[in-house]
Structure formats: C-alpha cells, structure tokens
Amino acid sequence: MAKRILFQTALDKGYISKEQLQKVEEYRAETNVSDERALLDLKILTEENLMKLYQDIYGYEMIGGIKNIEADAFTLKCRYKPLLDIGFMPVMKDNKVHIITAKPQNSLFAEDYIRETTNYKGGFTYSLITESNLRKLISKAFNVENESVELENFESSANTPSNVYDVSENDSSAIVNLVNRILREAIENKISDIHFEPQADHLRVRYRDDGLLKPM
C-alpha cells in the first residue's frame, strides 16, 4: 500500500489533521519507523482507530473481540515468529484460508509465506484485528504463556537483560516452551545441531548448516 493512500485516506476521513501529519513525517524521519507505527507511537491513532482506517481502505471486516477465535491445525503449520513479524494468523474457514491480520499492507507476504510453508493452492479471505489482540491469539496458539519471553528476544542480534539467568517460576514454563519450539524447528529443518551461546549481555542461538553456524 502506498504511503499516500494511508495518509490521504486518514486526512479525507478525518482521522488526522495536516498538523498531525507533519508531526508523523518528522517523527518518521527521526526514527525510521513505519507510517502505522508512527501514528501509534505519537498517539495520534489508537489501535482500534487504525483498524477502522484499514477497513476504510481495504474493506475487510473488523474483529472486535477474540473470545470466540481459536487457532486450528492449519495455524500450527506455520511458525510463531513469522506470524508475529508479518502480522497475521491463518485459519481454515469454509475450505479456504482466512487470514486474520493486523497489517493488511503485508497481505502479499502473508500469502507467499502460507503457500511456501504449507503448499496451499487456494484463495484467501481477510479480517482485521488489533496488533495487541493478534499477539494474544498467536501466543495462545503456540502456548506462549508469558509474552515477555518470546522467540525474537533470543535472536542472534537481540539484547537480553543482565538478569536473564534469574528465572522465576512464572517464566520457567515459557522458557520450556521456547526451547521446545527451537527443537521443533530444528527437527523440521533437519538441523544437525543447535548452539546456545551465552554472551555478556545477550544470548546467541545458532544452528549448523553445511558445516557453517548460522543465526536461528
């Protein structure tokens, strides 16, 4: 989606003013965040209003609550981190993949990921959800009980707090889940070995591929 479409629709529909748009542009130039993140960081739009703006642009139905939404077997064919990064969760609905998304501008990435990961050949339908609710759904689907302990926090470039070794009882089950996910990905990708490499201020996780260690 072109940036002008997002901002022009926001202006036309009264979501933002020209003065607020100027602040967004300045903030983006300073931070290099996305247009949507700038609107949220500056509290110009709430997550709910951002979804309403997306609805005006894309015409997708907006999901209010998540009480009656459940992941299914198709969801679990995907991986936790790509779903978070691309901003979607797929489920089967009426023999077609239904994509629940917080980032409809990433729809082509979502569809490509699904096809490459699952060999799905059919079409797609969409609905919108706030990013907060999407993260809750994905965390529940992959049994991440404590959202503060997530896979992306253990990437090779991630910084981990100095008290990472002080694991509370509340965090322990989430860490077990994390290790289980890493092992599952290793088995699925036929990875020969995994290296957990504690550093002074972060934890590096790498795997061996054709004799070379690569970030996981």
C-alpha atoms as a PDB file:
ATOM      1  CA  MET A   1       0.000   0.000   0.000  1.00  0.00           C
ATOM      2  CA  ALA A   2       1.422   3.375  -0.978  1.00  0.00           C
ATOM      3  CA  LYS A   3       2.060   5.767   1.857  1.00  0.00           C
ATOM      4  CA  ARG A   4      -0.050   8.445   0.189  1.00  0.00           C
ATOM      5  CA  ILE A   5      -3.120   6.170   0.238  1.00  0.00           C
ATOM      6  CA  LEU A   6      -2.838   5.682   4.002  1.00  0.00           C
ATOM      7  CA  PHE A   7      -2.305   9.337   4.823  1.00  0.00           C
ATOM      8  CA  GLN A   8      -4.687  10.722   2.218  1.00  0.00           C
ATOM      9  CA  THR A   9      -7.490   8.459   3.446  1.00  0.00           C
ATOM     10  CA  ALA A  10      -6.699   9.413   7.036  1.00  0.00           C
ATOM     11  CA  LEU A  11      -6.951  13.092   6.100  1.00  0.00           C
ATOM     12  CA  ASP A  12     -10.088  12.680   3.979  1.00  0.00           C
ATOM     13  CA  LYS A  13     -11.894  10.677   6.664  1.00  0.00           C
ATOM     14  CA  GLY A  14     -10.866  12.986   9.497  1.00  0.00           C
ATOM     15  CA  TYR A  15      -8.609  10.569  11.355  1.00  0.00           C
ATOM     16  CA  ILE A  16      -5.724  13.047  11.382  1.00  0.00           C
ATOM     17  CA  SER A  17      -5.112  16.728  10.685  1.00  0.00           C
ATOM     18  CA  LYS A  18      -2.471  18.259   8.426  1.00  0.00           C
ATOM     19  CA  GLU A  19      -0.579  19.382  11.518  1.00  0.00           C
ATOM     20  CA  GLN A  20      -0.563  15.835  12.875  1.00  0.00           C
ATOM     21  CA  LEU A  21       0.592  14.515   9.518  1.00  0.00           C
ATOM     22  CA  GLN A  22       3.538  16.892   9.651  1.00  0.00           C
ATOM     23  CA  LYS A  23       4.450  15.534  13.104  1.00  0.00           C
ATOM     24  CA  VAL A  24       4.256  11.995  11.760  1.00  0.00           C
ATOM     25  CA  GLU A  25       6.572  12.823   8.860  1.00  0.00           C
ATOM     26  CA  GLU A  26       9.095  14.445  11.207  1.00  0.00           C
ATOM     27  CA  TYR A  27       8.933  11.512  13.626  1.00  0.00           C
ATOM     28  CA  ARG A  28       9.449   9.002  10.817  1.00  0.00           C
ATOM     29  CA  ALA A  29      12.470  10.917   9.542  1.00  0.00           C
ATOM     30  CA  GLU A  30      13.999  10.769  13.025  1.00  0.00           C
ATOM     31  CA  THR A  31      13.176   7.163  13.897  1.00  0.00           C
ATOM     32  CA  ASN A  32      12.727   5.357  10.556  1.00  0.00           C
ATOM     33  CA  VAL A  33       9.650   3.529  11.885  1.00  0.00           C
ATOM     34  CA  SER A  34       6.711   2.614   9.662  1.00  0.00           C
ATOM     35  CA  ASP A  35       3.876   5.059   8.970  1.00  0.00           C
ATOM     36  CA  GLU A  36       1.485   2.992  11.085  1.00  0.00           C
ATOM     37  CA  ARG A  37       3.914   2.727  13.997  1.00  0.00           C
ATOM     38  CA  ALA A  38       4.472   6.491  13.916  1.00  0.00           C
ATOM     39  CA  LEU A  39       0.720   7.110  14.175  1.00  0.00           C
ATOM     40  CA  LEU A  40       0.535   4.785  17.179  1.00  0.00           C
ATOM     41  CA  ASP A  41       3.723   5.975  18.901  1.00  0.00           C
ATOM     42  CA  LEU A  42       2.602   9.592  18.701  1.00  0.00           C
ATOM     43  CA  LYS A  43      -0.847   8.542  19.992  1.00  0.00           C
ATOM     44  CA  ILE A  44      -2.498  10.190  17.015  1.00  0.00           C
ATOM     45  CA  LEU A  45      -4.433   6.971  16.428  1.00  0.00           C
ATOM     46  CA  THR A  46      -5.390   4.155  18.770  1.00  0.00           C
ATOM     47  CA  GLU A  47      -5.051   0.571  17.580  1.00  0.00           C
ATOM     48  CA  GLU A  48      -8.825   0.436  17.136  1.00  0.00           C
ATOM     49  CA  ASN A  49      -8.893   3.596  15.011  1.00  0.00           C
ATOM     50  CA  LEU A  50      -6.009   2.306  12.920  1.00  0.00           C
ATOM     51  CA  MET A  51      -8.090  -0.808  12.190  1.00  0.00           C
ATOM     52  CA  LYS A  52     -11.045   1.390  11.230  1.00  0.00           C
ATOM     53  CA  LEU A  53      -8.755   3.278   8.859  1.00  0.00           C
ATOM     54  CA  TYR A  54      -7.612  -0.010   7.327  1.00  0.00           C
ATOM     55  CA  GLN A  55     -11.265  -1.009   6.996  1.00  0.00           C
ATOM     56  CA  ASP A  56     -11.956   2.168   5.040  1.00  0.00           C
ATOM     57  CA  ILE A  57      -9.022   1.393   2.735  1.00  0.00           C
ATOM     58  CA  TYR A  58      -9.318  -2.378   2.281  1.00  0.00           C
ATOM     59  CA  GLY A  59     -12.970  -3.080   3.057  1.00  0.00           C
ATOM     60  CA  TYR A  60     -12.177  -6.026   5.334  1.00  0.00           C
ATOM     61  CA  GLU A  61     -14.405  -6.918   8.274  1.00  0.00           C
ATOM     62  CA  MET A  62     -13.029  -5.819  11.649  1.00  0.00           C
ATOM     63  CA  ILE A  63     -12.938  -8.255  14.578  1.00  0.00           C
ATOM     64  CA  GLY A  64     -13.863  -6.694  17.895  1.00  0.00           C
ATOM     65  CA  GLY A  65     -13.032  -9.373  20.465  1.00  0.00           C
ATOM     66  CA  ILE A  66     -11.080 -12.622  20.436  1.00  0.00           C
ATOM     67  CA  LYS A  67     -13.144 -14.720  22.835  1.00  0.00           C
ATOM     68  CA  ASN A  68     -14.561 -16.967  20.115  1.00  0.00           C
ATOM     69  CA  ILE A  69     -11.476 -17.094  17.868  1.00  0.00           C
ATOM     70  CA  GLU A  70      -9.298 -20.186  18.014  1.00  0.00           C
ATOM     71  CA  ALA A  71      -6.241 -21.318  16.125  1.00  0.00           C
ATOM     72  CA  ASP A  72      -6.527 -24.621  14.290  1.00  0.00           C
ATOM     73  CA  ALA A  73      -4.316 -27.305  12.764  1.00  0.00           C
ATOM     74  CA  PHE A  74      -3.593 -25.108   9.756  1.00  0.00           C
ATOM     75  CA  THR A  75      -2.355 -22.302  12.018  1.00  0.00           C
ATOM     76  CA  LEU A  76       0.170 -24.666  13.569  1.00  0.00           C
ATOM     77  CA  LYS A  77       1.665 -25.492  10.173  1.00  0.00           C
ATOM     78  CA  CYS A  78       3.151 -22.001  10.356  1.00  0.00           C
ATOM     79  CA  ARG A  79       5.807 -20.726  12.713  1.00  0.00           C
ATOM     80  CA  TYR A  80       5.465 -18.415  15.640  1.00  0.00           C
ATOM     81  CA  LYS A  81       7.931 -15.677  14.725  1.00  0.00           C
ATOM     82  CA  PRO A  82       6.955 -15.149  11.054  1.00  0.00           C
ATOM     83  CA  LEU A  83       3.330 -14.788  12.115  1.00  0.00           C
ATOM     84  CA  LEU A  84       4.331 -12.072  14.588  1.00  0.00           C
ATOM     85  CA  ASP A  85       6.672 -10.348  12.137  1.00  0.00           C
ATOM     86  CA  ILE A  86       4.265 -10.298   9.180  1.00  0.00           C
ATOM     87  CA  GLY A  87       1.326  -9.606  11.486  1.00  0.00           C
ATOM     88  CA  PHE A  88      -1.247 -12.300  10.756  1.00  0.00           C
ATOM     89  CA  MET A  89      -2.734 -15.636  11.827  1.00  0.00           C
ATOM     90  CA  PRO A  90      -4.265 -18.051   9.267  1.00  0.00           C
ATOM     91  CA  VAL A  91      -7.174 -20.407   9.969  1.00  0.00           C
ATOM     92  CA  MET A  92      -9.269 -22.620   7.708  1.00  0.00           C
ATOM     93  CA  LYS A  93     -12.791 -21.321   7.092  1.00  0.00           C
ATOM     94  CA  ASP A  94     -15.211 -22.895   4.601  1.00  0.00           C
ATOM     95  CA  ASN A  95     -12.325 -24.818   2.981  1.00  0.00           C
ATOM     96  CA  LYS A  96     -10.423 -21.602   2.342  1.00  0.00           C
ATOM     97  CA  VAL A  97      -7.614 -19.947   4.295  1.00  0.00           C
ATOM     98  CA  HIS A  98      -8.882 -16.984   6.277  1.00  0.00           C
ATOM     99  CA  ILE A  99      -6.164 -14.517   7.256  1.00  0.00           C
ATOM    100  CA  ILE A 100      -6.684 -12.560  10.458  1.00  0.00           C
ATOM    101  CA  THR A 101      -4.343  -9.605  10.086  1.00  0.00           C
ATOM    102  CA  ALA A 102      -3.149  -6.541  11.954  1.00  0.00           C
ATOM    103  CA  LYS A 103      -1.031  -5.457   8.971  1.00  0.00           C
ATOM    104  CA  PRO A 104      -3.087  -5.752   5.766  1.00  0.00           C
ATOM    105  CA  GLN A 105      -0.331  -3.939   3.870  1.00  0.00           C
ATOM    106  CA  ASN A 106       1.647  -7.189   4.311  1.00  0.00           C
ATOM    107  CA  SER A 107      -1.014  -9.361   2.666  1.00  0.00           C
ATOM    108  CA  LEU A 108       1.211 -10.486  -0.207  1.00  0.00           C
ATOM    109  CA  PHE A 109       3.953 -11.502   2.230  1.00  0.00           C
ATOM    110  CA  ALA A 110       1.380 -13.436   4.278  1.00  0.00           C
ATOM    111  CA  GLU A 111       0.031 -15.256   1.227  1.00  0.00           C
ATOM    112  CA  ASP A 112       3.519 -16.083  -0.064  1.00  0.00           C
ATOM    113  CA  TYR A 113       4.549 -17.378   3.357  1.00  0.00           C
ATOM    114  CA  ILE A 114       1.460 -19.599   3.591  1.00  0.00           C
ATOM    115  CA  ARG A 115       1.973 -21.056   0.110  1.00  0.00           C
ATOM    116  CA  GLU A 116       5.672 -21.721   0.685  1.00  0.00           C
ATOM    117  CA  THR A 117       5.164 -23.197   4.155  1.00  0.00           C
ATOM    118  CA  THR A 118       2.020 -25.282   3.618  1.00  0.00           C
ATOM    119  CA  ASN A 119       1.780 -25.815  -0.168  1.00  0.00           C
ATOM    120  CA  TYR A 120      -1.714 -24.324  -0.027  1.00  0.00           C
ATOM    121  CA  LYS A 121      -3.014 -23.552  -3.543  1.00  0.00           C
ATOM    122  CA  GLY A 122      -6.393 -21.913  -2.889  1.00  0.00           C
ATOM    123  CA  GLY A 123      -7.641 -18.389  -2.323  1.00  0.00           C
ATOM    124  CA  PHE A 124      -7.794 -16.184   0.764  1.00  0.00           C
ATOM    125  CA  THR A 125     -10.263 -14.139   2.758  1.00  0.00           C
ATOM    126  CA  TYR A 126      -9.368 -11.484   5.321  1.00  0.00           C
ATOM    127  CA  SER A 127     -10.452  -9.820   8.519  1.00  0.00           C
ATOM    128  CA  LEU A 128      -8.785  -7.131  10.626  1.00  0.00           C
ATOM    129  CA  ILE A 129      -7.689  -7.289  14.257  1.00  0.00           C
ATOM    130  CA  THR A 130      -5.637  -5.032  16.516  1.00  0.00           C
ATOM    131  CA  GLU A 131      -1.986  -5.922  16.932  1.00  0.00           C
ATOM    132  CA  SER A 132      -2.421  -6.470  20.678  1.00  0.00           C
ATOM    133  CA  ASN A 133      -5.223  -8.975  20.162  1.00  0.00           C
ATOM    134  CA  LEU A 134      -3.335 -10.690  17.351  1.00  0.00           C
ATOM    135  CA  ARG A 135      -0.310 -11.208  19.581  1.00  0.00           C
ATOM    136  CA  LYS A 136      -2.574 -12.745  22.223  1.00  0.00           C
ATOM    137  CA  LEU A 137      -4.056 -15.156  19.680  1.00  0.00           C
ATOM    138  CA  ILE A 138      -0.664 -16.208  18.326  1.00  0.00           C
ATOM    139  CA  SER A 139       0.820 -16.607  21.805  1.00  0.00           C
ATOM    140  CA  LYS A 140      -2.138 -18.745  22.847  1.00  0.00           C
ATOM    141  CA  ALA A 141      -1.892 -20.857  19.686  1.00  0.00           C
ATOM    142  CA  PHE A 142       1.786 -21.622  20.321  1.00  0.00           C
ATOM    143  CA  ASN A 143       1.344 -21.969  24.074  1.00  0.00           C
ATOM    144  CA  VAL A 144       3.459 -18.950  24.988  1.00  0.00           C
ATOM    145  CA  GLU A 145       2.189 -18.296  28.492  1.00  0.00           C
ATOM    146  CA  ASN A 146       4.379 -15.302  29.248  1.00  0.00           C
ATOM    147  CA  GLU A 147       4.536 -12.867  26.316  1.00  0.00           C
ATOM    148  CA  SER A 148       7.648 -11.217  27.780  1.00  0.00           C
ATOM    149  CA  VAL A 149       9.631 -14.337  26.865  1.00  0.00           C
ATOM    150  CA  GLU A 150       9.389 -14.636  23.087  1.00  0.00           C
ATOM    151  CA  LEU A 151      11.433 -16.161  20.324  1.00  0.00           C
ATOM    152  CA  GLU A 152      12.570 -12.863  18.858  1.00  0.00           C
ATOM    153  CA  ASN A 153      14.167 -11.955  22.186  1.00  0.00           C
ATOM    154  CA  PHE A 154      16.632 -14.812  21.670  1.00  0.00           C
ATOM    155  CA  GLU A 155      17.737 -13.997  18.125  1.00  0.00           C
ATOM    156  CA  SER A 156      21.431 -13.522  17.480  1.00  0.00           C
ATOM    157  CA  SER A 157      21.091  -9.731  17.431  1.00  0.00           C
ATOM    158  CA  ALA A 158      18.740  -9.396  20.388  1.00  0.00           C
ATOM    159  CA  ASN A 159      19.824  -7.809  23.646  1.00  0.00           C
ATOM    160  CA  THR A 160      18.902  -9.749  26.780  1.00  0.00           C
ATOM    161  CA  PRO A 161      18.748  -8.125  30.256  1.00  0.00           C
ATOM    162  CA  SER A 162      21.594  -8.873  32.617  1.00  0.00           C
ATOM    163  CA  ASN A 163      19.197 -10.790  34.884  1.00  0.00           C
ATOM    164  CA  VAL A 164      18.322 -13.270  32.120  1.00  0.00           C
ATOM    165  CA  TYR A 165      19.733 -16.073  34.267  1.00  0.00           C
ATOM    166  CA  ASP A 166      17.317 -15.289  37.126  1.00  0.00           C
ATOM    167  CA  VAL A 167      14.303 -17.316  36.018  1.00  0.00           C
ATOM    168  CA  SER A 168      11.152 -17.032  38.107  1.00  0.00           C
ATOM    169  CA  GLU A 169       8.599 -19.815  38.429  1.00  0.00           C
ATOM    170  CA  ASN A 170       6.237 -17.782  36.228  1.00  0.00           C
ATOM    171  CA  ASP A 171       8.830 -17.570  33.438  1.00  0.00           C
ATOM    172  CA  SER A 172      10.066 -21.163  33.580  1.00  0.00           C
ATOM    173  CA  SER A 173       7.204 -22.734  31.617  1.00  0.00           C
ATOM    174  CA  ALA A 174       7.534 -20.080  28.899  1.00  0.00           C
ATOM    175  CA  ILE A 175      11.243 -20.847  28.576  1.00  0.00           C
ATOM    176  CA  VAL A 176      10.459 -24.553  28.282  1.00  0.00           C
ATOM    177  CA  ASN A 177       8.002 -23.692  25.509  1.00  0.00           C
ATOM    178  CA  LEU A 178      10.687 -21.606  23.794  1.00  0.00           C
ATOM    179  CA  VAL A 179      13.190 -24.459  23.873  1.00  0.00           C
ATOM    180  CA  ASN A 180      10.537 -26.847  22.573  1.00  0.00           C
ATOM    181  CA  ARG A 181       9.838 -24.518  19.619  1.00  0.00           C
ATOM    182  CA  ILE A 182      13.538 -24.244  18.802  1.00  0.00           C
ATOM    183  CA  LEU A 183      13.893 -28.025  18.891  1.00  0.00           C
ATOM    184  CA  ARG A 184      10.797 -28.485  16.737  1.00  0.00           C
ATOM    185  CA  GLU A 185      12.152 -26.079  14.101  1.00  0.00           C
ATOM    186  CA  ALA A 186      15.478 -27.923  14.181  1.00  0.00           C
ATOM    187  CA  ILE A 187      13.756 -31.258  13.554  1.00  0.00           C
ATOM    188  CA  GLU A 188      11.539 -29.848  10.789  1.00  0.00           C
ATOM    189  CA  ASN A 189      14.561 -28.324   9.006  1.00  0.00           C
ATOM    190  CA  LYS A 190      16.838 -31.327   9.630  1.00  0.00           C
ATOM    191  CA  ILE A 191      19.323 -29.179  11.540  1.00  0.00           C
ATOM    192  CA  SER A 192      22.255 -31.226  12.827  1.00  0.00           C
ATOM    193  CA  ASP A 193      22.961 -29.246  15.987  1.00  0.00           C
ATOM    194  CA  ILE A 194      21.997 -26.090  17.864  1.00  0.00           C
ATOM    195  CA  HIS A 195      24.378 -23.791  19.723  1.00  0.00           C
ATOM    196  CA  PHE A 196      23.195 -21.790  22.756  1.00  0.00           C
ATOM    197  CA  GLU A 197      25.974 -19.275  23.280  1.00  0.00           C
ATOM    198  CA  PRO A 198      25.658 -17.059  26.404  1.00  0.00           C
ATOM    199  CA  GLN A 199      27.346 -13.687  25.950  1.00  0.00           C
ATOM    200  CA  ALA A 200      27.925 -10.915  28.472  1.00  0.00           C
ATOM    201  CA  ASP A 201      24.689  -9.103  27.685  1.00  0.00           C
ATOM    202  CA  HIS A 202      22.751 -11.368  25.292  1.00  0.00           C
ATOM    203  CA  LEU A 203      22.102 -14.947  24.311  1.00  0.00           C
ATOM    204  CA  ARG A 204      23.076 -16.116  20.823  1.00  0.00           C
ATOM    205  CA  VAL A 205      21.280 -19.078  19.256  1.00  0.00           C
ATOM    206  CA  ARG A 206      22.817 -20.568  16.114  1.00  0.00           C
ATOM    207  CA  TYR A 207      22.465 -23.805  14.132  1.00  0.00           C
ATOM    208  CA  ARG A 208      24.857 -25.707  11.908  1.00  0.00           C
ATOM    209  CA  ASP A 209      24.040 -25.881   8.193  1.00  0.00           C
ATOM    210  CA  ASP A 210      26.511 -27.489   5.760  1.00  0.00           C
ATOM    211  CA  GLY A 211      29.243 -27.088   8.329  1.00  0.00           C
ATOM    212  CA  LEU A 212      28.547 -23.389   8.926  1.00  0.00           C
ATOM    213  CA  LEU A 213      26.964 -21.811  12.013  1.00  0.00           C
ATOM    214  CA  LYS A 214      24.022 -19.564  11.103  1.00  0.00           C
ATOM    215  CA  PRO A 215      21.719 -17.431  13.292  1.00  0.00           C
ATOM    216  CA  MET A 216      18.446 -19.094  14.204  1.00  0.00           C
END
